[in-house]
Amino acid sequence: MEAYVLVKISAQTEHCGYARSIVEKLMMQSVENAQLLFGDYDIIVKVNAPKIHDVENVVIEEISMIDGVESTTTLLCVDEAILE
């Protein structure tokens, strides 16, 4: 199951280098990549996990628990095989 998680960092904690330290903390087993963004969200995270439940666990129990993470929005990718 592939998903992208959009992360907002708490505005009160943003200072030079802080966002990069959160990106480093996001690099965990199910996370393929994490990149800083400009715009409404601060970081995008690519998650790859066997099941939707595993994606849920990564977002709720790991990503959202990192100090400085204010909110997340999870976008699940659709497997084209189920659309046929």
PDB file of N, CA and C in Angstrom:
ATOM      1  N   MET A   1       0.844  -1.157   0.000  1.00  0.00           N
ATOM      2  CA  MET A   1       0.000   0.000   0.000  1.00  0.00           C
ATOM      3  C   MET A   1       0.899   1.232   0.000  1.00  0.00           C
ATOM      4  N   GLU A   2       0.706   2.067  -0.989  1.00  0.00           N
ATOM      5  CA  GLU A   2       1.496   3.290  -1.092  1.00  0.00           C
ATOM      6  C   GLU A   2       0.647   4.482  -0.663  1.00  0.00           C
ATOM      7  N   ALA A   3       1.252   5.395   0.088  1.00  0.00           N
ATOM      8  CA  ALA A   3       0.535   6.579   0.548  1.00  0.00           C
ATOM      9  C   ALA A   3       1.503   7.747   0.634  1.00  0.00           C
ATOM     10  N   TYR A   4       0.946   8.939   0.514  1.00  0.00           N
ATOM     11  CA  TYR A   4       1.710  10.161   0.722  1.00  0.00           C
ATOM     12  C   TYR A   4       1.098  10.875   1.916  1.00  0.00           C
ATOM     13  N   VAL A   5       1.944  11.341   2.798  1.00  0.00           N
ATOM     14  CA  VAL A   5       1.482  12.034   3.994  1.00  0.00           C
ATOM     15  C   VAL A   5       2.006  13.467   3.926  1.00  0.00           C
ATOM     16  N   LEU A   6       1.067  14.408   3.951  1.00  0.00           N
ATOM     17  CA  LEU A   6       1.416  15.823   3.970  1.00  0.00           C
ATOM     18  C   LEU A   6       1.486  16.259   5.421  1.00  0.00           C
ATOM     19  N   VAL A   7       2.577  16.879   5.804  1.00  0.00           N
ATOM     20  CA  VAL A   7       2.835  17.212   7.203  1.00  0.00           C
ATOM     21  C   VAL A   7       2.943  18.725   7.369  1.00  0.00           C
ATOM     22  N   LYS A   8       2.249  19.239   8.384  1.00  0.00           N
ATOM     23  CA  LYS A   8       2.416  20.638   8.780  1.00  0.00           C
ATOM     24  C   LYS A   8       3.237  20.665  10.061  1.00  0.00           C
ATOM     25  N   ILE A   9       4.217  21.554  10.084  1.00  0.00           N
ATOM     26  CA  ILE A   9       5.051  21.734  11.268  1.00  0.00           C
ATOM     27  C   ILE A   9       4.480  22.894  12.064  1.00  0.00           C
ATOM     28  N   SER A  10       4.500  22.774  13.370  1.00  0.00           N
ATOM     29  CA  SER A  10       4.010  23.830  14.241  1.00  0.00           C
ATOM     30  C   SER A  10       4.763  25.126  13.969  1.00  0.00           C
ATOM     31  N   ALA A  11       4.031  26.208  13.716  1.00  0.00           N
ATOM     32  CA  ALA A  11       4.631  27.507  13.402  1.00  0.00           C
ATOM     33  C   ALA A  11       5.471  28.021  14.564  1.00  0.00           C
ATOM     34  N   GLN A  12       5.115  27.663  15.777  1.00  0.00           N
ATOM     35  CA  GLN A  12       5.843  28.131  16.953  1.00  0.00           C
ATOM     36  C   GLN A  12       7.237  27.519  17.046  1.00  0.00           C
ATOM     37  N   THR A  13       7.435  26.400  16.367  1.00  0.00           N
ATOM     38  CA  THR A  13       8.720  25.718  16.495  1.00  0.00           C
ATOM     39  C   THR A  13       9.599  25.874  15.269  1.00  0.00           C
ATOM     40  N   GLU A  14       9.114  26.582  14.243  1.00  0.00           N
ATOM     41  CA  GLU A  14       9.912  26.726  13.027  1.00  0.00           C
ATOM     42  C   GLU A  14      11.063  27.693  13.249  1.00  0.00           C
ATOM     43  N   HIS A  15      12.256  27.210  13.131  1.00  0.00           N
ATOM     44  CA  HIS A  15      13.447  28.039  13.129  1.00  0.00           C
ATOM     45  C   HIS A  15      14.489  27.342  12.274  1.00  0.00           C
ATOM     46  N   CYS A  16      15.538  28.002  11.990  1.00  0.00           N
ATOM     47  CA  CYS A  16      16.543  27.506  11.055  1.00  0.00           C
ATOM     48  C   CYS A  16      16.973  26.076  11.384  1.00  0.00           C
ATOM     49  N   GLY A  17      16.806  25.181  10.431  1.00  0.00           N
ATOM     50  CA  GLY A  17      17.243  23.802  10.596  1.00  0.00           C
ATOM     51  C   GLY A  17      16.254  22.878  11.274  1.00  0.00           C
ATOM     52  N   TYR A  18      15.192  23.437  11.875  1.00  0.00           N
ATOM     53  CA  TYR A  18      14.251  22.598  12.618  1.00  0.00           C
ATOM     54  C   TYR A  18      13.483  21.661  11.690  1.00  0.00           C
ATOM     55  N   ALA A  19      13.006  22.181  10.560  1.00  0.00           N
ATOM     56  CA  ALA A  19      12.255  21.354   9.613  1.00  0.00           C
ATOM     57  C   ALA A  19      13.116  20.201   9.109  1.00  0.00           C
ATOM     58  N   ARG A  20      14.378  20.473   8.849  1.00  0.00           N
ATOM     59  CA  ARG A  20      15.289  19.405   8.387  1.00  0.00           C
ATOM     60  C   ARG A  20      15.447  18.321   9.446  1.00  0.00           C
ATOM     61  N   SER A  21      15.464  18.719  10.713  1.00  0.00           N
ATOM     62  CA  SER A  21      15.606  17.710  11.769  1.00  0.00           C
ATOM     63  C   SER A  21      14.366  16.829  11.847  1.00  0.00           C
ATOM     64  N   ILE A  22      13.202  17.391  11.543  1.00  0.00           N
ATOM     65  CA  ILE A  22      11.973  16.581  11.514  1.00  0.00           C
ATOM     66  C   ILE A  22      12.019  15.611  10.345  1.00  0.00           C
ATOM     67  N   VAL A  23      12.503  16.065   9.184  1.00  0.00           N
ATOM     68  CA  VAL A  23      12.647  15.172   8.025  1.00  0.00           C
ATOM     69  C   VAL A  23      13.547  13.995   8.399  1.00  0.00           C
ATOM     70  N   GLU A  24      14.629  14.248   9.091  1.00  0.00           N
ATOM     71  CA  GLU A  24      15.533  13.166   9.512  1.00  0.00           C
ATOM     72  C   GLU A  24      14.825  12.179  10.438  1.00  0.00           C
ATOM     73  N   LYS A  25      13.994  12.694  11.340  1.00  0.00           N
ATOM     74  CA  LYS A  25      13.261  11.824  12.260  1.00  0.00           C
ATOM     75  C   LYS A  25      12.204  10.994  11.532  1.00  0.00           C
ATOM     76  N   LEU A  26      11.734  11.491  10.387  1.00  0.00           N
ATOM     77  CA  LEU A  26      10.711  10.781   9.617  1.00  0.00           C
ATOM     78  C   LEU A  26      11.263   9.569   8.873  1.00  0.00           C
ATOM     79  N   MET A  27      12.560   9.500   8.701  1.00  0.00           N
ATOM     80  CA  MET A  27      13.147   8.389   7.967  1.00  0.00           C
ATOM     81  C   MET A  27      13.134   7.139   8.843  1.00  0.00           C
ATOM     82  N   MET A  28      12.050   6.378   8.714  1.00  0.00           N
ATOM     83  CA  MET A  28      11.862   5.152   9.484  1.00  0.00           C
ATOM     84  C   MET A  28      11.579   4.010   8.525  1.00  0.00           C
ATOM     85  N   GLN A  29      11.325   2.840   9.019  1.00  0.00           N
ATOM     86  CA  GLN A  29      11.226   1.627   8.211  1.00  0.00           C
ATOM     87  C   GLN A  29      10.239   1.738   7.046  1.00  0.00           C
ATOM     88  N   SER A  30       9.022   2.165   7.276  1.00  0.00           N
ATOM     89  CA  SER A  30       8.006   2.198   6.220  1.00  0.00           C
ATOM     90  C   SER A  30       8.074   3.447   5.352  1.00  0.00           C
ATOM     91  N   VAL A  31       8.918   4.403   5.707  1.00  0.00           N
ATOM     92  CA  VAL A  31       9.028   5.645   4.951  1.00  0.00           C
ATOM     93  C   VAL A  31      10.094   5.484   3.867  1.00  0.00           C
ATOM     94  N   GLU A  32       9.667   5.672   2.618  1.00  0.00           N
ATOM     95  CA  GLU A  32      10.604   5.587   1.492  1.00  0.00           C
ATOM     96  C   GLU A  32      11.357   6.891   1.299  1.00  0.00           C
ATOM     97  N   ASN A  33      10.656   8.013   1.523  1.00  0.00           N
ATOM     98  CA  ASN A  33      11.259   9.307   1.263  1.00  0.00           C
ATOM     99  C   ASN A  33      10.510  10.386   2.031  1.00  0.00           C
ATOM    100  N   ALA A  34      11.202  11.441   2.381  1.00  0.00           N
ATOM    101  CA  ALA A  34      10.590  12.610   3.012  1.00  0.00           C
ATOM    102  C   ALA A  34      11.299  13.840   2.471  1.00  0.00           C
ATOM    103  N   GLN A  35      10.504  14.825   2.025  1.00  0.00           N
ATOM    104  CA  GLN A  35      11.064  16.025   1.408  1.00  0.00           C
ATOM    105  C   GLN A  35      10.401  17.273   1.965  1.00  0.00           C
ATOM    106  N   LEU A  36      11.178  18.346   2.106  1.00  0.00           N
ATOM    107  CA  LEU A  36      10.624  19.638   2.507  1.00  0.00           C
ATOM    108  C   LEU A  36       9.840  20.235   1.341  1.00  0.00           C
ATOM    109  N   LEU A  37       8.794  20.991   1.666  1.00  0.00           N
ATOM    110  CA  LEU A  37       7.949  21.636   0.669  1.00  0.00           C
ATOM    111  C   LEU A  37       7.841  23.130   0.950  1.00  0.00           C
ATOM    112  N   PHE A  38       7.426  23.883  -0.064  1.00  0.00           N
ATOM    113  CA  PHE A  38       6.990  25.259   0.097  1.00  0.00           C
ATOM    114  C   PHE A  38       5.485  25.247  -0.115  1.00  0.00           C
ATOM    115  N   GLY A  39       4.741  26.024   0.641  1.00  0.00           N
ATOM    116  CA  GLY A  39       3.298  26.097   0.441  1.00  0.00           C
ATOM    117  C   GLY A  39       2.531  25.782   1.705  1.00  0.00           C
ATOM    118  N   ASP A  40       1.333  25.237   1.536  1.00  0.00           N
ATOM    119  CA  ASP A  40       0.448  24.971   2.669  1.00  0.00           C
ATOM    120  C   ASP A  40       0.982  23.885   3.596  1.00  0.00           C
ATOM    121  N   TYR A  41       1.769  22.970   3.061  1.00  0.00           N
ATOM    122  CA  TYR A  41       2.356  21.899   3.867  1.00  0.00           C
ATOM    123  C   TYR A  41       3.870  22.064   3.883  1.00  0.00           C
ATOM    124  N   ASP A  42       4.496  21.543   4.910  1.00  0.00           N
ATOM    125  CA  ASP A  42       5.933  21.724   5.090  1.00  0.00           C
ATOM    126  C   ASP A  42       6.763  20.531   4.626  1.00  0.00           C
ATOM    127  N   ILE A  43       6.179  19.337   4.717  1.00  0.00           N
ATOM    128  CA  ILE A  43       6.908  18.110   4.372  1.00  0.00           C
ATOM    129  C   ILE A  43       5.949  17.155   3.666  1.00  0.00           C
ATOM    130  N   ILE A  44       6.472  16.420   2.692  1.00  0.00           N
ATOM    131  CA  ILE A  44       5.721  15.315   2.088  1.00  0.00           C
ATOM    132  C   ILE A  44       6.504  14.034   2.362  1.00  0.00           C
ATOM    133  N   VAL A  45       5.768  13.007   2.776  1.00  0.00           N
ATOM    134  CA  VAL A  45       6.369  11.732   3.153  1.00  0.00           C
ATOM    135  C   VAL A  45       5.758  10.631   2.296  1.00  0.00           C
ATOM    136  N   LYS A  46       6.594   9.804   1.688  1.00  0.00           N
ATOM    137  CA  LYS A  46       6.112   8.653   0.930  1.00  0.00           C
ATOM    138  C   LYS A  46       6.221   7.425   1.816  1.00  0.00           C
ATOM    139  N   VAL A  47       5.072   6.788   2.055  1.00  0.00           N
ATOM    140  CA  VAL A  47       5.009   5.611   2.920  1.00  0.00           C
ATOM    141  C   VAL A  47       4.667   4.401   2.053  1.00  0.00           C
ATOM    142  N   ASN A  48       5.347   3.305   2.301  1.00  0.00           N
ATOM    143  CA  ASN A  48       5.041   2.047   1.628  1.00  0.00           C
ATOM    144  C   ASN A  48       4.887   0.980   2.705  1.00  0.00           C
ATOM    145  N   ALA A  49       3.699   0.408   2.787  1.00  0.00           N
ATOM    146  CA  ALA A  49       3.415  -0.595   3.821  1.00  0.00           C
ATOM    147  C   ALA A  49       2.530  -1.688   3.219  1.00  0.00           C
ATOM    148  N   PRO A  50       2.536  -2.870   3.809  1.00  0.00           N
ATOM    149  CA  PRO A  50       1.768  -3.987   3.250  1.00  0.00           C
ATOM    150  C   PRO A  50       0.250  -3.754   3.221  1.00  0.00           C
ATOM    151  N   LYS A  51      -0.287  -3.103   4.252  1.00  0.00           N
ATOM    152  CA  LYS A  51      -1.746  -2.956   4.362  1.00  0.00           C
ATOM    153  C   LYS A  51      -2.114  -1.535   4.784  1.00  0.00           C
ATOM    154  N   ILE A  52      -3.366  -1.164   4.539  1.00  0.00           N
ATOM    155  CA  ILE A  52      -3.857   0.152   4.955  1.00  0.00           C
ATOM    156  C   ILE A  52      -3.679   0.327   6.461  1.00  0.00           C
ATOM    157  N   HIS A  53      -3.932  -0.701   7.209  1.00  0.00           N
ATOM    158  CA  HIS A  53      -3.789  -0.642   8.665  1.00  0.00           C
ATOM    159  C   HIS A  53      -2.357  -0.278   9.062  1.00  0.00           C
ATOM    160  N   ASP A  54      -1.392  -0.784   8.305  1.00  0.00           N
ATOM    161  CA  ASP A  54       0.010  -0.472   8.586  1.00  0.00           C
ATOM    162  C   ASP A  54       0.317   0.998   8.300  1.00  0.00           C
ATOM    163  N   VAL A  55      -0.268   1.528   7.232  1.00  0.00           N
ATOM    164  CA  VAL A  55      -0.122   2.959   6.932  1.00  0.00           C
ATOM    165  C   VAL A  55      -0.698   3.773   8.080  1.00  0.00           C
ATOM    166  N   GLU A  56      -1.880   3.377   8.540  1.00  0.00           N
ATOM    167  CA  GLU A  56      -2.528   4.059   9.659  1.00  0.00           C
ATOM    168  C   GLU A  56      -1.600   4.073  10.886  1.00  0.00           C
ATOM    169  N   ASN A  57      -1.010   2.939  11.198  1.00  0.00           N
ATOM    170  CA  ASN A  57      -0.110   2.854  12.350  1.00  0.00           C
ATOM    171  C   ASN A  57       1.092   3.774  12.204  1.00  0.00           C
ATOM    172  N   VAL A  58       1.674   3.823  11.012  1.00  0.00           N
ATOM    173  CA  VAL A  58       2.836   4.684  10.782  1.00  0.00           C
ATOM    174  C   VAL A  58       2.446   6.145  11.004  1.00  0.00           C
ATOM    175  N   VAL A  59       1.299   6.547  10.460  1.00  0.00           N
ATOM    176  CA  VAL A  59       0.879   7.952  10.567  1.00  0.00           C
ATOM    177  C   VAL A  59       0.513   8.304  12.003  1.00  0.00           C
ATOM    178  N   ILE A  60      -0.314   7.499  12.636  1.00  0.00           N
ATOM    179  CA  ILE A  60      -0.831   7.837  13.966  1.00  0.00           C
ATOM    180  C   ILE A  60       0.196   7.599  15.067  1.00  0.00           C
ATOM    181  N   GLU A  61       0.880   6.466  15.018  1.00  0.00           N
ATOM    182  CA  GLU A  61       1.760   6.093  16.123  1.00  0.00           C
ATOM    183  C   GLU A  61       3.202   6.561  15.973  1.00  0.00           C
ATOM    184  N   GLU A  62       3.588   6.957  14.756  1.00  0.00           N
ATOM    185  CA  GLU A  62       4.977   7.364  14.566  1.00  0.00           C
ATOM    186  C   GLU A  62       5.085   8.811  14.075  1.00  0.00           C
ATOM    187  N   ILE A  63       4.543   9.095  12.904  1.00  0.00           N
ATOM    188  CA  ILE A  63       4.705  10.434  12.318  1.00  0.00           C
ATOM    189  C   ILE A  63       4.069  11.511  13.186  1.00  0.00           C
ATOM    190  N   SER A  64       2.819  11.323  13.565  1.00  0.00           N
ATOM    191  CA  SER A  64       2.122  12.370  14.320  1.00  0.00           C
ATOM    192  C   SER A  64       2.664  12.543  15.735  1.00  0.00           C
ATOM    193  N   MET A  65       3.453  11.590  16.209  1.00  0.00           N
ATOM    194  CA  MET A  65       4.014  11.673  17.563  1.00  0.00           C
ATOM    195  C   MET A  65       5.354  12.419  17.608  1.00  0.00           C
ATOM    196  N   ILE A  66       5.910  12.777  16.462  1.00  0.00           N
ATOM    197  CA  ILE A  66       7.182  13.489  16.422  1.00  0.00           C
ATOM    198  C   ILE A  66       6.964  14.922  16.887  1.00  0.00           C
ATOM    199  N   ASP A  67       7.810  15.383  17.792  1.00  0.00           N
ATOM    200  CA  ASP A  67       7.736  16.758  18.288  1.00  0.00           C
ATOM    201  C   ASP A  67       7.804  17.742  17.133  1.00  0.00           C
ATOM    202  N   GLY A  68       6.864  18.680  17.095  1.00  0.00           N
ATOM    203  CA  GLY A  68       6.840  19.694  16.056  1.00  0.00           C
ATOM    204  C   GLY A  68       5.839  19.406  14.957  1.00  0.00           C
ATOM    205  N   VAL A  69       5.375  18.153  14.834  1.00  0.00           N
ATOM    206  CA  VAL A  69       4.361  17.825  13.835  1.00  0.00           C
ATOM    207  C   VAL A  69       3.014  18.300  14.363  1.00  0.00           C
ATOM    208  N   GLU A  70       2.435  19.258  13.650  1.00  0.00           N
ATOM    209  CA  GLU A  70       1.155  19.847  14.058  1.00  0.00           C
ATOM    210  C   GLU A  70      -0.026  19.050  13.522  1.00  0.00           C
ATOM    211  N   SER A  71       0.051  18.662  12.224  1.00  0.00           N
ATOM    212  CA  SER A  71      -1.046  17.901  11.630  1.00  0.00           C
ATOM    213  C   SER A  71      -0.548  17.127  10.419  1.00  0.00           C
ATOM    214  N   THR A  72      -1.340  16.125  10.028  1.00  0.00           N
ATOM    215  CA  THR A  72      -1.020  15.323   8.846  1.00  0.00           C
ATOM    216  C   THR A  72      -2.270  15.138   8.000  1.00  0.00           C
ATOM    217  N   THR A  73      -2.066  14.989   6.714  1.00  0.00           N
ATOM    218  CA  THR A  73      -3.116  14.606   5.780  1.00  0.00           C
ATOM    219  C   THR A  73      -2.576  13.434   4.983  1.00  0.00           C
ATOM    220  N   THR A  74      -3.307  12.320   4.992  1.00  0.00           N
ATOM    221  CA  THR A  74      -2.832  11.108   4.326  1.00  0.00           C
ATOM    222  C   THR A  74      -3.584  10.897   3.017  1.00  0.00           C
ATOM    223  N   LEU A  75      -2.839  10.672   1.955  1.00  0.00           N
ATOM    224  CA  LEU A  75      -3.385  10.419   0.618  1.00  0.00           C
ATOM    225  C   LEU A  75      -3.002   8.998   0.229  1.00  0.00           C
ATOM    226  N   LEU A  76      -3.995   8.105   0.149  1.00  0.00           N
ATOM    227  CA  LEU A  76      -3.735   6.716  -0.236  1.00  0.00           C
ATOM    228  C   LEU A  76      -3.736   6.595  -1.752  1.00  0.00           C
ATOM    229  N   CYS A  77      -2.767   5.894  -2.303  1.00  0.00           N
ATOM    230  CA  CYS A  77      -2.701   5.674  -3.736  1.00  0.00           C
ATOM    231  C   CYS A  77      -3.621   4.517  -4.105  1.00  0.00           C
ATOM    232  N   VAL A  78      -4.260   4.643  -5.266  1.00  0.00           N
ATOM    233  CA  VAL A  78      -5.183   3.619  -5.740  1.00  0.00           C
ATOM    234  C   VAL A  78      -4.431   2.656  -6.633  1.00  0.00           C
ATOM    235  N   ASP A  79      -4.590   1.380  -6.339  1.00  0.00           N
ATOM    236  CA  ASP A  79      -3.998   0.337  -7.163  1.00  0.00           C
ATOM    237  C   ASP A  79      -4.838   0.225  -8.431  1.00  0.00           C
ATOM    238  N   GLU A  80      -4.222   0.436  -9.587  1.00  0.00           N
ATOM    239  CA  GLU A  80      -4.950   0.421 -10.861  1.00  0.00           C
ATOM    240  C   GLU A  80      -5.636  -0.915 -11.120  1.00  0.00           C
ATOM    241  N   ALA A  81      -5.115  -1.994 -10.556  1.00  0.00           N
ATOM    242  CA  ALA A  81      -5.707  -3.313 -10.775  1.00  0.00           C
ATOM    243  C   ALA A  81      -7.128  -3.401 -10.253  1.00  0.00           C
ATOM    244  N   ILE A  82      -7.440  -2.668  -9.188  1.00  0.00           N
ATOM    245  CA  ILE A  82      -8.802  -2.744  -8.637  1.00  0.00           C
ATOM    246  C   ILE A  82      -9.796  -1.897  -9.443  1.00  0.00           C
ATOM    247  N   LEU A  83      -9.296  -1.059 -10.340  1.00  0.00           N
ATOM    248  CA  LEU A  83     -10.168  -0.228 -11.159  1.00  0.00           C
ATOM    249  C   LEU A  83     -10.629  -0.926 -12.430  1.00  0.00           C
ATOM    250  N   GLU A  84      -9.989  -2.018 -12.776  1.00  0.00           N
ATOM    251  CA  GLU A  84     -10.323  -2.710 -14.034  1.00  0.00           C
ATOM    252  C   GLU A  84     -11.499  -3.629 -13.868  1.00  0.00           C
TER     253      GLU A  84
END
